[in-house]
C-alpha atoms as a PDB file:
ATOM      1  CA  UNK A   1       0.187  -0.005   0.259  1.00  0.00           C
ATOM      2  CA  UNK A   2       1.015   3.464   0.174  1.00  0.00           C
ATOM      3  CA  UNK A   3       0.604   7.128   1.838  1.00  0.00           C
ATOM      4  CA  UNK A   4      -1.452   9.368  -0.345  1.00  0.00           C
ATOM      5  CA  UNK A   5      -1.483  12.945  -0.264  1.00  0.00           C
ATOM      6  CA  UNK A   6      -4.899  14.656  -1.487  1.00  0.00           C
ATOM      7  CA  UNK A   7      -5.247  17.954  -2.391  1.00  0.00           C
ATOM      8  CA  UNK A   8      -3.152  19.739   0.869  1.00  0.00           C
ATOM      9  CA  UNK A   9      -3.228  23.658   0.822  1.00  0.00           C
ATOM     10  CA  UNK A  10      -1.898  25.638   3.687  1.00  0.00           C
ATOM     11  CA  UNK A  11      -2.006  28.831   5.133  1.00  0.00           C
ATOM     12  CA  UNK A  12      -0.253  31.266   7.539  1.00  0.00           C
ATOM     13  CA  UNK A  13      -2.280  33.997   8.142  1.00  0.00           C
ATOM     14  CA  UNK A  14      -3.491  35.231   4.794  1.00  0.00           C
ATOM     15  CA  UNK A  15      -0.155  34.409   3.182  1.00  0.00           C
ATOM     16  CA  UNK A  16      -0.620  30.791   1.215  1.00  0.00           C
ATOM     17  CA  UNK A  17       2.296  28.634   1.871  1.00  0.00           C
ATOM     18  CA  UNK A  18       0.840  25.435   0.174  1.00  0.00           C
ATOM     19  CA  UNK A  19      -1.356  25.271  -2.828  1.00  0.00           C
ATOM     20  CA  UNK A  20      -3.410  21.799  -3.645  1.00  0.00           C
ATOM     21  CA  UNK A  21       0.071  19.683  -2.958  1.00  0.00           C
ATOM     22  CA  UNK A  22      -1.121  15.753  -4.165  1.00  0.00           C
ATOM     23  CA  UNK A  23       1.273  12.591  -4.305  1.00  0.00           C
ATOM     24  CA  UNK A  24       1.766   9.114  -3.084  1.00  0.00           C
ATOM     25  CA  UNK A  25       4.457   7.278  -2.065  1.00  0.00           C
ATOM     26  CA  UNK A  26       4.405   3.215  -2.451  1.00  0.00           C
ATOM     27  CA  UNK A  27       5.967   0.660   0.672  1.00  0.00           C
ATOM     28  CA  UNK A  28       9.672   1.088   0.479  1.00  0.00           C
ATOM     29  CA  UNK A  29       9.954   4.308  -2.125  1.00  0.00           C
ATOM     30  CA  UNK A  30      11.827   7.538  -0.900  1.00  0.00           C
ATOM     31  CA  UNK A  31      10.286  10.471  -2.293  1.00  0.00           C
ATOM     32  CA  UNK A  32      12.784  13.731  -1.867  1.00  0.00           C
ATOM     33  CA  UNK A  33      10.561  17.192  -1.497  1.00  0.00           C
ATOM     34  CA  UNK A  34      13.438  19.861  -2.397  1.00  0.00           C
ATOM     35  CA  UNK A  35      12.701  23.672  -3.059  1.00  0.00           C
ATOM     36  CA  UNK A  36      14.171  26.889  -2.155  1.00  0.00           C
ATOM     37  CA  UNK A  37      14.034  28.147   1.052  1.00  0.00           C
ATOM     38  CA  UNK A  38      10.504  29.259   2.045  1.00  0.00           C
ATOM     39  CA  UNK A  39       8.704  27.073  -0.973  1.00  0.00           C
ATOM     40  CA  UNK A  40       7.181  25.046   1.967  1.00  0.00           C
ATOM     41  CA  UNK A  41       8.736  21.688   2.022  1.00  0.00           C
ATOM     42  CA  UNK A  42       9.372  21.881   5.686  1.00  0.00           C
ATOM     43  CA  UNK A  43       5.426  23.001   6.676  1.00  0.00           C
ATOM     44  CA  UNK A  44       4.623  19.887   4.363  1.00  0.00           C
ATOM     45  CA  UNK A  45       6.457  17.672   6.503  1.00  0.00           C
ATOM     46  CA  UNK A  46       4.985  18.977   9.660  1.00  0.00           C
ATOM     47  CA  UNK A  47       1.545  18.657   8.684  1.00  0.00           C
ATOM     48  CA  UNK A  48       2.052  14.702   7.342  1.00  0.00           C
ATOM     49  CA  UNK A  49       3.542  14.242  11.057  1.00  0.00           C
ATOM     50  CA  UNK A  50       1.062  15.917  13.149  1.00  0.00           C
ATOM     51  CA  UNK A  51       2.931  18.856  13.952  1.00  0.00           C
ATOM     52  CA  UNK A  52       0.735  21.283  11.983  1.00  0.00           C
ATOM     53  CA  UNK A  53      -2.791  20.897  11.739  1.00  0.00           C
ATOM     54  CA  UNK A  54      -4.275  20.275   8.200  1.00  0.00           C
ATOM     55  CA  UNK A  55      -6.336  23.117   7.113  1.00  0.00           C
ATOM     56  CA  UNK A  56      -7.518  21.590   3.738  1.00  0.00           C
ATOM     57  CA  UNK A  57      -6.931  18.382   1.874  1.00  0.00           C
ATOM     58  CA  UNK A  58      -6.643  14.698   3.204  1.00  0.00           C
ATOM     59  CA  UNK A  59      -3.832  12.459   4.200  1.00  0.00           C
ATOM     60  CA  UNK A  60      -4.612   8.925   3.392  1.00  0.00           C
ATOM     61  CA  UNK A  61      -2.520   5.727   4.899  1.00  0.00           C
ATOM     62  CA  UNK A  62      -3.263   2.414   3.032  1.00  0.00           C
ATOM     63  CA  UNK A  63      -6.646   3.276   1.920  1.00  0.00           C
ATOM     64  CA  UNK A  64      -7.533   4.803   5.315  1.00  0.00           C
ATOM     65  CA  UNK A  65      -8.045   8.593   6.197  1.00  0.00           C
ATOM     66  CA  UNK A  66      -5.868   9.309   8.996  1.00  0.00           C
ATOM     67  CA  UNK A  67      -6.103  13.139   8.781  1.00  0.00           C
ATOM     68  CA  UNK A  68      -8.334  15.635   7.419  1.00  0.00           C
ATOM     69  CA  UNK A  69      -9.591  19.042   8.421  1.00  0.00           C
ATOM     70  CA  UNK A  70     -10.852  18.635  11.737  1.00  0.00           C
ATOM     71  CA  UNK A  71      -9.606  15.715  12.503  1.00  0.00           C
ATOM     72  CA  UNK A  72      -5.518  16.131  13.464  1.00  0.00           C
ATOM     73  CA  UNK A  73      -4.263  13.053  15.499  1.00  0.00           C
ATOM     74  CA  UNK A  74      -1.501  14.093  17.525  1.00  0.00           C
ATOM     75  CA  UNK A  75       2.145  12.351  15.926  1.00  0.00           C
ATOM     76  CA  UNK A  76       2.128   9.870  19.184  1.00  0.00           C
ATOM     77  CA  UNK A  77      -1.411   8.534  17.561  1.00  0.00           C
ATOM     78  CA  UNK A  78       0.250   8.010  13.964  1.00  0.00           C
ATOM     79  CA  UNK A  79       2.276   5.516  12.455  1.00  0.00           C
ATOM     80  CA  UNK A  80       4.881   7.779  11.524  1.00  0.00           C
ATOM     81  CA  UNK A  81       8.587   7.614  12.226  1.00  0.00           C
ATOM     82  CA  UNK A  82      10.325  11.445  12.668  1.00  0.00           C
ATOM     83  CA  UNK A  83      13.992  12.052  12.206  1.00  0.00           C
ATOM     84  CA  UNK A  84      14.907  16.229  12.179  1.00  0.00           C
ATOM     85  CA  UNK A  85      18.048  17.561  11.313  1.00  0.00           C
ATOM     86  CA  UNK A  86      19.460  18.080  15.173  1.00  0.00           C
ATOM     87  CA  UNK A  87      18.288  14.437  15.727  1.00  0.00           C
ATOM     88  CA  UNK A  88      16.274  15.229  18.865  1.00  0.00           C
ATOM     89  CA  UNK A  89      18.059  12.059  21.252  1.00  0.00           C
ATOM     90  CA  UNK A  90      17.281  12.346  24.514  1.00  0.00           C
ATOM     91  CA  UNK A  91      20.469  13.703  26.227  1.00  0.00           C
ATOM     92  CA  UNK A  92      19.642  11.718  29.814  1.00  0.00           C
ATOM     93  CA  UNK A  93      19.105   8.332  28.188  1.00  0.00           C
ATOM     94  CA  UNK A  94      21.972   6.195  26.591  1.00  0.00           C
ATOM     95  CA  UNK A  95      21.872   4.847  23.187  1.00  0.00           C
ATOM     96  CA  UNK A  96      20.043   1.596  24.163  1.00  0.00           C
ATOM     97  CA  UNK A  97      17.528   3.393  26.163  1.00  0.00           C
ATOM     98  CA  UNK A  98      17.303   6.209  23.272  1.00  0.00           C
ATOM     99  CA  UNK A  99      16.347   3.308  20.876  1.00  0.00           C
ATOM    100  CA  UNK A 100      14.091   1.268  23.204  1.00  0.00           C
ATOM    101  CA  UNK A 101      12.114   4.576  24.012  1.00  0.00           C
ATOM    102  CA  UNK A 102       9.336   3.567  21.967  1.00  0.00           C
ATOM    103  CA  UNK A 103       9.205   0.091  22.763  1.00  0.00           C
ATOM    104  CA  UNK A 104       7.880  -0.025  26.160  1.00  0.00           C
ATOM    105  CA  UNK A 105       4.868  -2.014  25.340  1.00  0.00           C
ATOM    106  CA  UNK A 106       7.329  -5.098  24.495  1.00  0.00           C
ATOM    107  CA  UNK A 107       8.243  -7.333  26.823  1.00  0.00           C
ATOM    108  CA  UNK A 108      12.066  -6.692  28.085  1.00  0.00           C
ATOM    109  CA  UNK A 109      13.632  -9.754  26.588  1.00  0.00           C
ATOM    110  CA  UNK A 110      12.334  -8.892  23.134  1.00  0.00           C
ATOM    111  CA  UNK A 111      13.060  -4.739  23.439  1.00  0.00           C
ATOM    112  CA  UNK A 112      16.492  -5.523  23.891  1.00  0.00           C
ATOM    113  CA  UNK A 113      16.845  -8.570  21.060  1.00  0.00           C
ATOM    114  CA  UNK A 114      14.972  -5.499  18.994  1.00  0.00           C
ATOM    115  CA  UNK A 115      17.470  -2.832  20.311  1.00  0.00           C
ATOM    116  CA  UNK A 116      20.700  -4.919  19.686  1.00  0.00           C
ATOM    117  CA  UNK A 117      19.466  -5.902  16.061  1.00  0.00           C
ATOM    118  CA  UNK A 118      18.697  -1.920  14.924  1.00  0.00           C
ATOM    119  CA  UNK A 119      22.202  -0.925  16.341  1.00  0.00           C
ATOM    120  CA  UNK A 120      24.207  -3.807  14.613  1.00  0.00           C
ATOM    121  CA  UNK A 121      22.491  -2.979  11.446  1.00  0.00           C
ATOM    122  CA  UNK A 122      24.288   0.291  11.790  1.00  0.00           C
ATOM    123  CA  UNK A 123      27.278  -0.911  13.277  1.00  0.00           C
ATOM    124  CA  UNK A 124      26.727   0.676  16.795  1.00  0.00           C
ATOM    125  CA  UNK A 125      26.695  -2.225  18.945  1.00  0.00           C
ATOM    126  CA  UNK A 126      29.508  -0.864  20.657  1.00  0.00           C
ATOM    127  CA  UNK A 127      28.360   2.256  21.577  1.00  0.00           C
ATOM    128  CA  UNK A 128      24.942   0.784  23.510  1.00  0.00           C
ATOM    129  CA  UNK A 129      25.904   2.343  26.603  1.00  0.00           C
ATOM    130  CA  UNK A 130      27.376   5.809  25.383  1.00  0.00           C
ATOM    131  CA  UNK A 131      25.245   8.763  26.127  1.00  0.00           C
ATOM    132  CA  UNK A 132      24.177  10.929  22.993  1.00  0.00           C
ATOM    133  CA  UNK A 133      26.839  14.240  23.786  1.00  0.00           C
ATOM    134  CA  UNK A 134      29.622  11.621  23.648  1.00  0.00           C
ATOM    135  CA  UNK A 135      28.817  10.508  19.843  1.00  0.00           C
ATOM    136  CA  UNK A 136      29.861  11.929  16.541  1.00  0.00           C
ATOM    137  CA  UNK A 137      26.952  13.722  14.637  1.00  0.00           C
ATOM    138  CA  UNK A 138      27.008  10.775  12.242  1.00  0.00           C
ATOM    139  CA  UNK A 139      26.944   8.553  15.340  1.00  0.00           C
ATOM    140  CA  UNK A 140      24.118  10.718  16.152  1.00  0.00           C
ATOM    141  CA  UNK A 141      22.295  10.506  13.118  1.00  0.00           C
ATOM    142  CA  UNK A 142      22.697   6.492  12.725  1.00  0.00           C
ATOM    143  CA  UNK A 143      21.200   6.529  16.531  1.00  0.00           C
ATOM    144  CA  UNK A 144      18.414   8.955  15.377  1.00  0.00           C
ATOM    145  CA  UNK A 145      17.500   6.730  12.107  1.00  0.00           C
ATOM    146  CA  UNK A 146      17.539   3.645  14.077  1.00  0.00           C
ATOM    147  CA  UNK A 147      15.410   4.352  16.585  1.00  0.00           C
ATOM    148  CA  UNK A 148      12.864   5.838  14.615  1.00  0.00           C
ATOM    149  CA  UNK A 149      12.902   2.510  12.668  1.00  0.00           C
ATOM    150  CA  UNK A 150      12.536   0.149  15.585  1.00  0.00           C
ATOM    151  CA  UNK A 151       8.851   0.813  16.206  1.00  0.00           C
ATOM    152  CA  UNK A 152       8.318  -0.335  12.507  1.00  0.00           C
ATOM    153  CA  UNK A 153       6.560   2.946  11.208  1.00  0.00           C
ATOM    154  CA  UNK A 154       4.179   2.884   8.257  1.00  0.00           C
ATOM    155  CA  UNK A 155       5.865   6.006   7.159  1.00  0.00           C
ATOM    156  CA  UNK A 156       9.337   7.567   7.643  1.00  0.00           C
ATOM    157  CA  UNK A 157       9.854  11.128   7.481  1.00  0.00           C
ATOM    158  CA  UNK A 158      13.218  12.750   7.159  1.00  0.00           C
ATOM    159  CA  UNK A 159      13.258  16.893   7.415  1.00  0.00           C
ATOM    160  CA  UNK A 160      17.050  17.683   6.586  1.00  0.00           C
ATOM    161  CA  UNK A 161      18.706  14.728   8.462  1.00  0.00           C
ATOM    162  CA  UNK A 162      22.153  14.831   7.655  1.00  0.00           C
ATOM    163  CA  UNK A 163      22.507  18.751   7.264  1.00  0.00           C
ATOM    164  CA  UNK A 164      24.822  18.840  10.473  1.00  0.00           C
ATOM    165  CA  UNK A 165      27.287  16.700   9.099  1.00  0.00           C
ATOM    166  CA  UNK A 166      30.201  17.132   7.194  1.00  0.00           C
ATOM    167  CA  UNK A 167      30.412  16.529   3.200  1.00  0.00           C
ATOM    168  CA  UNK A 168      32.668  13.374   3.220  1.00  0.00           C
ATOM    169  CA  UNK A 169      30.553  11.938   5.884  1.00  0.00           C
ATOM    170  CA  UNK A 170      27.277  12.838   4.476  1.00  0.00           C
ATOM    171  CA  UNK A 171      27.684  10.834   1.430  1.00  0.00           C
ATOM    172  CA  UNK A 172      28.166   7.505   3.653  1.00  0.00           C
ATOM    173  CA  UNK A 173      25.370   8.611   5.995  1.00  0.00           C
ATOM    174  CA  UNK A 174      22.752   8.801   2.727  1.00  0.00           C
ATOM    175  CA  UNK A 175      24.359   5.548   1.232  1.00  0.00           C
ATOM    176  CA  UNK A 176      24.004   3.672   4.674  1.00  0.00           C
ATOM    177  CA  UNK A 177      20.610   5.320   5.277  1.00  0.00           C
ATOM    178  CA  UNK A 178      18.828   4.788   2.256  1.00  0.00           C
ATOM    179  CA  UNK A 179      20.032   1.008   1.802  1.00  0.00           C
ATOM    180  CA  UNK A 180      18.344   0.823   5.761  1.00  0.00           C
ATOM    181  CA  UNK A 181      14.933   2.364   4.717  1.00  0.00           C
ATOM    182  CA  UNK A 182      14.756   0.546   1.690  1.00  0.00           C
ATOM    183  CA  UNK A 183      15.591  -2.632   3.613  1.00  0.00           C
ATOM    184  CA  UNK A 184      12.788  -2.007   6.316  1.00  0.00           C
ATOM    185  CA  UNK A 185      10.371  -1.622   3.692  1.00  0.00           C
ATOM    186  CA  UNK A 186       8.897   1.670   4.936  1.00  0.00           C
ATOM    187  CA  UNK A 187       7.439   4.440   2.801  1.00  0.00           C
ATOM    188  CA  UNK A 188       9.636   7.444   3.097  1.00  0.00           C
ATOM    189  CA  UNK A 189       9.139  11.622   2.707  1.00  0.00           C
ATOM    190  CA  UNK A 190      12.462  13.085   2.870  1.00  0.00           C
ATOM    191  CA  UNK A 191      13.005  16.873   2.648  1.00  0.00           C
ATOM    192  CA  UNK A 192      15.984  18.539   1.531  1.00  0.00           C
ATOM    193  CA  UNK A 193      17.823  21.863  -0.153  1.00  0.00           C
ATOM    194  CA  UNK A 194      20.666  19.678  -1.432  1.00  0.00           C
ATOM    195  CA  UNK A 195      20.028  18.448  -5.277  1.00  0.00           C
ATOM    196  CA  UNK A 196      22.882  16.160  -4.984  1.00  0.00           C
ATOM    197  CA  UNK A 197      21.308  14.350  -1.830  1.00  0.00           C
ATOM    198  CA  UNK A 198      17.877  14.150  -3.361  1.00  0.00           C
ATOM    199  CA  UNK A 199      18.901  12.724  -6.465  1.00  0.00           C
ATOM    200  CA  UNK A 200      21.700  10.135  -4.744  1.00  0.00           C
ATOM    201  CA  UNK A 201      18.333   8.833  -1.957  1.00  0.00           C
ATOM    202  CA  UNK A 202      15.401   9.271  -3.873  1.00  0.00           C
ATOM    203  CA  UNK A 203      13.233   6.804  -6.185  1.00  0.00           C
ATOM    204  CA  UNK A 204      11.171  10.031  -6.706  1.00  0.00           C
ATOM    205  CA  UNK A 205      11.847  13.592  -6.281  1.00  0.00           C
ATOM    206  CA  UNK A 206       9.094  16.408  -5.814  1.00  0.00           C
ATOM    207  CA  UNK A 207       9.845  19.729  -6.444  1.00  0.00           C
ATOM    208  CA  UNK A 208       8.229  23.028  -5.095  1.00  0.00           C
ATOM    209  CA  UNK A 209       8.065  26.290  -5.866  1.00  0.00           C
ATOM    210  CA  UNK A 210       6.615  29.368  -3.431  1.00  0.00           C
ATOM    211  CA  UNK A 211       4.027  26.444  -2.417  1.00  0.00           C
ATOM    212  CA  UNK A 212       2.906  25.065  -5.631  1.00  0.00           C
ATOM    213  CA  UNK A 213       4.281  21.436  -6.984  1.00  0.00           C
ATOM    214  CA  UNK A 214       6.029  22.137 -10.136  1.00  0.00           C
ATOM    215  CA  UNK A 215       6.943  18.655 -11.068  1.00  0.00           C
ATOM    216  CA  UNK A 216       7.477  15.220  -9.920  1.00  0.00           C
ATOM    217  CA  UNK A 217       9.269  12.152 -11.193  1.00  0.00           C
ATOM    218  CA  UNK A 218      12.140   9.492 -11.317  1.00  0.00           C
ATOM    219  CA  UNK A 219      16.003  11.408 -10.604  1.00  0.00           C
ATOM    220  CA  UNK A 220      16.491  10.540 -14.162  1.00  0.00           C
ATOM    221  CA  UNK A 221      13.148  12.016 -15.793  1.00  0.00           C
ATOM    222  CA  UNK A 222      14.122  15.444 -13.787  1.00  0.00           C
ATOM    223  CA  UNK A 223      17.299  15.741 -14.853  1.00  0.00           C
ATOM    224  CA  UNK A 224      16.397  14.815 -18.814  1.00  0.00           C
ATOM    225  CA  UNK A 225      13.255  16.948 -18.827  1.00  0.00           C
ATOM    226  CA  UNK A 226      13.215  19.367 -16.561  1.00  0.00           C
ATOM    227  CA  UNK A 227      10.146  21.620 -16.618  1.00  0.00           C
ATOM    228  CA  UNK A 228      11.336  24.791 -14.402  1.00  0.00           C
ATOM    229  CA  UNK A 229      14.088  26.750 -13.950  1.00  0.00           C
ATOM    230  CA  UNK A 230      14.572  25.782 -10.619  1.00  0.00           C
ATOM    231  CA  UNK A 231      14.974  21.948 -11.717  1.00  0.00           C
ATOM    232  CA  UNK A 232      16.796  22.785 -14.651  1.00  0.00           C
ATOM    233  CA  UNK A 233      19.419  24.417 -12.319  1.00  0.00           C
ATOM    234  CA  UNK A 234      19.368  22.616  -9.603  1.00  0.00           C
ATOM    235  CA  UNK A 235      18.740  19.050 -10.550  1.00  0.00           C
ATOM    236  CA  UNK A 236      19.787  18.668 -14.387  1.00  0.00           C
ATOM    237  CA  UNK A 237      23.192  20.822 -14.914  1.00  0.00           C
ATOM    238  CA  UNK A 238      21.732  23.497 -16.614  1.00  0.00           C
ATOM    239  CA  UNK A 239      21.637  26.987 -17.275  1.00  0.00           C
ATOM    240  CA  UNK A 240      18.804  29.445 -18.244  1.00  0.00           C
ATOM    241  CA  UNK A 241      19.071  31.461 -21.708  1.00  0.00           C
ATOM    242  CA  UNK A 242      16.410  33.894 -22.470  1.00  0.00           C
ATOM    243  CA  UNK A 243      16.524  34.060 -26.416  1.00  0.00           C
ATOM    244  CA  UNK A 244      13.964  35.280 -29.313  1.00  0.00           C
ATOM    245  CA  UNK A 245      12.388  33.317 -32.151  1.00  0.00           C
ATOM    246  CA  UNK A 246      13.714  34.162 -35.384  1.00  0.00           C
ATOM    247  CA  UNK A 247      12.692  31.656 -38.193  1.00  0.00           C
ATOM    248  CA  UNK A 248      14.417  28.402 -37.349  1.00  0.00           C
ATOM    249  CA  UNK A 249      16.738  29.871 -34.772  1.00  0.00           C
ATOM    250  CA  UNK A 250      16.567  31.434 -31.477  1.00  0.00           C
ATOM    251  CA  UNK A 251      18.521  34.638 -31.269  1.00  0.00           C
ATOM    252  CA  UNK A 252      20.423  35.093 -27.541  1.00  0.00           C
ATOM    253  CA  UNK A 253      23.509  36.995 -26.252  1.00  0.00           C
ATOM    254  CA  UNK A 254      26.144  34.261 -26.552  1.00  0.00           C
ATOM    255  CA  UNK A 255      24.806  32.737 -30.010  1.00  0.00           C
ATOM    256  CA  UNK A 256      22.023  31.165 -31.986  1.00  0.00           C
ATOM    257  CA  UNK A 257      20.322  27.524 -30.845  1.00  0.00           C
ATOM    258  CA  UNK A 258      18.811  25.901 -33.414  1.00  0.00           C
ATOM    259  CA  UNK A 259      15.253  25.939 -33.195  1.00  0.00           C
ATOM    260  CA  UNK A 260      15.418  21.839 -34.158  1.00  0.00           C
ATOM    261  CA  UNK A 261      17.395  21.602 -30.771  1.00  0.00           C
ATOM    262  CA  UNK A 262      14.877  21.790 -28.567  1.00  0.00           C
ATOM    263  CA  UNK A 263      13.830  18.454 -26.991  1.00  0.00           C
ATOM    264  CA  UNK A 264      10.216  19.663 -26.354  1.00  0.00           C
ATOM    265  CA  UNK A 265       9.627  22.862 -28.258  1.00  0.00           C
ATOM    266  CA  UNK A 266       6.363  25.244 -27.917  1.00  0.00           C
ATOM    267  CA  UNK A 267       4.388  26.890 -30.398  1.00  0.00           C
ATOM    268  CA  UNK A 268       7.126  28.277 -32.526  1.00  0.00           C
ATOM    269  CA  UNK A 269       5.554  31.739 -32.829  1.00  0.00           C
ATOM    270  CA  UNK A 270       8.056  34.696 -34.821  1.00  0.00           C
ATOM    271  CA  UNK A 271       9.407  36.964 -32.383  1.00  0.00           C
ATOM    272  CA  UNK A 272       8.357  35.579 -28.857  1.00  0.00           C
ATOM    273  CA  UNK A 273      10.712  35.591 -26.183  1.00  0.00           C
ATOM    274  CA  UNK A 274      11.306  32.008 -24.981  1.00  0.00           C
ATOM    275  CA  UNK A 275      13.465  30.882 -21.795  1.00  0.00           C
ATOM    276  CA  UNK A 276      15.354  27.269 -22.270  1.00  0.00           C
ATOM    277  CA  UNK A 277      18.166  25.390 -20.812  1.00  0.00           C
ATOM    278  CA  UNK A 278      21.335  24.177 -21.872  1.00  0.00           C
ATOM    279  CA  UNK A 279      24.097  21.974 -20.288  1.00  0.00           C
ATOM    280  CA  UNK A 280      27.846  23.937 -20.864  1.00  0.00           C
ATOM    281  CA  UNK A 281      29.323  20.488 -21.732  1.00  0.00           C
ATOM    282  CA  UNK A 282      27.133  20.744 -25.013  1.00  0.00           C
ATOM    283  CA  UNK A 283      28.218  24.343 -26.131  1.00  0.00           C
ATOM    284  CA  UNK A 284      31.046  24.273 -28.465  1.00  0.00           C
ATOM    285  CA  UNK A 285      33.881  27.005 -27.479  1.00  0.00           C
ATOM    286  CA  UNK A 286      35.592  28.736 -30.399  1.00  0.00           C
ATOM    287  CA  UNK A 287      38.815  30.204 -29.866  1.00  0.00           C
ATOM    288  CA  UNK A 288      40.122  31.612 -33.290  1.00  0.00           C
ATOM    289  CA  UNK A 289      38.203  34.068 -35.255  1.00  0.00           C
ATOM    290  CA  UNK A 290      34.984  32.591 -37.182  1.00  0.00           C
ATOM    291  CA  UNK A 291      34.018  34.714 -40.167  1.00  0.00           C
ATOM    292  CA  UNK A 292      30.647  32.529 -40.326  1.00  0.00           C
ATOM    293  CA  UNK A 293      29.762  34.042 -36.847  1.00  0.00           C
ATOM    294  CA  UNK A 294      27.725  37.061 -36.995  1.00  0.00           C
ATOM    295  CA  UNK A 295      27.713  37.700 -33.543  1.00  0.00           C
ATOM    296  CA  UNK A 296      30.220  39.917 -31.884  1.00  0.00           C
ATOM    297  CA  UNK A 297      32.843  38.174 -29.738  1.00  0.00           C
ATOM    298  CA  UNK A 298      32.567  37.250 -26.448  1.00  0.00           C
ATOM    299  CA  UNK A 299      34.582  37.743 -23.108  1.00  0.00           C
ATOM    300  CA  UNK A 300      36.277  34.877 -20.940  1.00  0.00           C
ATOM    301  CA  UNK A 301      35.751  36.437 -17.630  1.00  0.00           C
ATOM    302  CA  UNK A 302      36.892  33.402 -15.772  1.00  0.00           C
ATOM    303  CA  UNK A 303      38.885  30.303 -15.853  1.00  0.00           C
ATOM    304  CA  UNK A 304      38.174  27.690 -13.195  1.00  0.00           C
ATOM    305  CA  UNK A 305      38.799  23.682 -12.345  1.00  0.00           C
ATOM    306  CA  UNK A 306      36.264  21.912 -10.109  1.00  0.00           C
ATOM    307  CA  UNK A 307      38.122  18.938  -9.081  1.00  0.00           C
ATOM    308  CA  UNK A 308      36.688  16.933 -11.843  1.00  0.00           C
ATOM    309  CA  UNK A 309      36.554  19.063 -15.271  1.00  0.00           C
ATOM    310  CA  UNK A 310      37.511  22.657 -16.617  1.00  0.00           C
ATOM    311  CA  UNK A 311      35.134  25.353 -17.264  1.00  0.00           C
ATOM    312  CA  UNK A 312      35.244  28.854 -18.520  1.00  0.00           C
ATOM    313  CA  UNK A 313      33.363  31.488 -17.418  1.00  0.00           C
ATOM    314  CA  UNK A 314      31.732  33.641 -20.386  1.00  0.00           C
ATOM    315  CA  UNK A 315      30.645  37.297 -20.529  1.00  0.00           C
ATOM    316  CA  UNK A 316      28.126  39.040 -22.938  1.00  0.00           C
ATOM    317  CA  UNK A 317      27.146  42.365 -21.651  1.00  0.00           C
ATOM    318  CA  UNK A 318      25.305  41.884 -18.396  1.00  0.00           C
ATOM    319  CA  UNK A 319      25.102  38.120 -18.823  1.00  0.00           C
ATOM    320  CA  UNK A 320      27.260  35.103 -18.214  1.00  0.00           C
ATOM    321  CA  UNK A 321      27.573  31.458 -19.203  1.00  0.00           C
ATOM    322  CA  UNK A 322      29.297  28.433 -17.924  1.00  0.00           C
ATOM    323  CA  UNK A 323      30.780  26.410 -20.604  1.00  0.00           C
ATOM    324  CA  UNK A 324      33.160  23.338 -20.182  1.00  0.00           C
ATOM    325  CA  UNK A 325      36.461  22.775 -21.607  1.00  0.00           C
ATOM    326  CA  UNK A 326      38.288  20.315 -22.871  1.00  0.00           C
ATOM    327  CA  UNK A 327      41.445  19.890 -20.880  1.00  0.00           C
ATOM    328  CA  UNK A 328      43.789  20.845 -23.702  1.00  0.00           C
ATOM    329  CA  UNK A 329      42.280  24.204 -24.201  1.00  0.00           C
ATOM    330  CA  UNK A 330      44.466  26.739 -22.963  1.00  0.00           C
ATOM    331  CA  UNK A 331      42.475  30.383 -22.148  1.00  0.00           C
ATOM    332  CA  UNK A 332      42.939  33.254 -20.172  1.00  0.00           C
ATOM    333  CA  UNK A 333      40.569  35.809 -18.711  1.00  0.00           C
ATOM    334  CA  UNK A 334      39.676  38.598 -21.137  1.00  0.00           C
ATOM    335  CA  UNK A 335      40.483  36.295 -24.280  1.00  0.00           C
ATOM    336  CA  UNK A 336      37.728  37.164 -27.078  1.00  0.00           C
ATOM    337  CA  UNK A 337      35.693  33.624 -27.953  1.00  0.00           C
ATOM    338  CA  UNK A 338      32.522  32.743 -29.607  1.00  0.00           C
ATOM    339  CA  UNK A 339      30.033  29.953 -28.658  1.00  0.00           C
ATOM    340  CA  UNK A 340      28.458  27.537 -30.975  1.00  0.00           C
ATOM    341  CA  UNK A 341      25.078  25.910 -30.095  1.00  0.00           C
ATOM    342  CA  UNK A 342      25.109  23.441 -33.236  1.00  0.00           C
ATOM    343  CA  UNK A 343      25.335  20.537 -31.357  1.00  0.00           C
ATOM    344  CA  UNK A 344      23.597  21.691 -28.042  1.00  0.00           C
ATOM    345  CA  UNK A 345      20.219  20.203 -26.799  1.00  0.00           C
ATOM    346  CA  UNK A 346      17.678  22.226 -24.773  1.00  0.00           C
ATOM    347  CA  UNK A 347      15.050  22.042 -23.031  1.00  0.00           C
ATOM    348  CA  UNK A 348      12.098  24.662 -22.947  1.00  0.00           C
ATOM    349  CA  UNK A 349      10.233  26.154 -19.962  1.00  0.00           C
ATOM    350  CA  UNK A 350       6.250  25.618 -20.880  1.00  0.00           C
END
């Protein structure tokens, strides 16, 4: 079965925070909710958890409505596990007692077996008698995860769970967490502001912008065909360009894109402005003067190496575009170049 969110809308006073949000997460799947600050993603998670009253819409679990306007059971009455950014471990309880906290209805021996199994599953069996303040951030995150999973919740909610952990450890933690969550078979909803994290963790991604769902789909679908500038730039590795339709070309400040290069072309209206996304790796940089180029030369503003590839920041007036370089290309700031979009695939934002 699954958890289903039906047409949730929410306001803080007169300000709409969420508008008609609907989605479903099957058992065993991980849905990542991503969006800019203020997009409503944490509010959505709090509503599902029961920490914020549901004003409009319905929350359905395994076919039964568990929350609707006027019916908002508290978190402890919902079969939902919660893990927050600050982990929220009880400082006066040791690791084993933290994990056992939600298992008080079990016999002592059964509870102990469950605690031992959970801690062993994340490699923390030797730390059972330690207290939270003696653990590293990564260890605290693992304890918080297995404490939530120990009660066998129908749904797991994760709110920026790795945000307080250093980058190298964060990658390992999210890999471990994904495998643990998938093995549990629990439907998971995770809020994150990190595009890399969303792509690495999710089976499905839901993107919010100003409280509205602008796109949802698998990581590959969103990378391949983004439908919104935020999706293209944060998840699709694209940069946004504005141009004007002129015949079979789109004229931009950096050169002309052939209309046929649009993967999802809108109606072709002469003179109409259009915004589309391109990847810097698909753009050809021309360092030698080219008589066929009608556009004036562009200026190299900066050359950078990010640990994987070289790139050049190209300026045209107040606009800038980053282009991936071949290793053998030698460029210096202030050099004049042209760009060619002949082999560039682009995605239009409708």
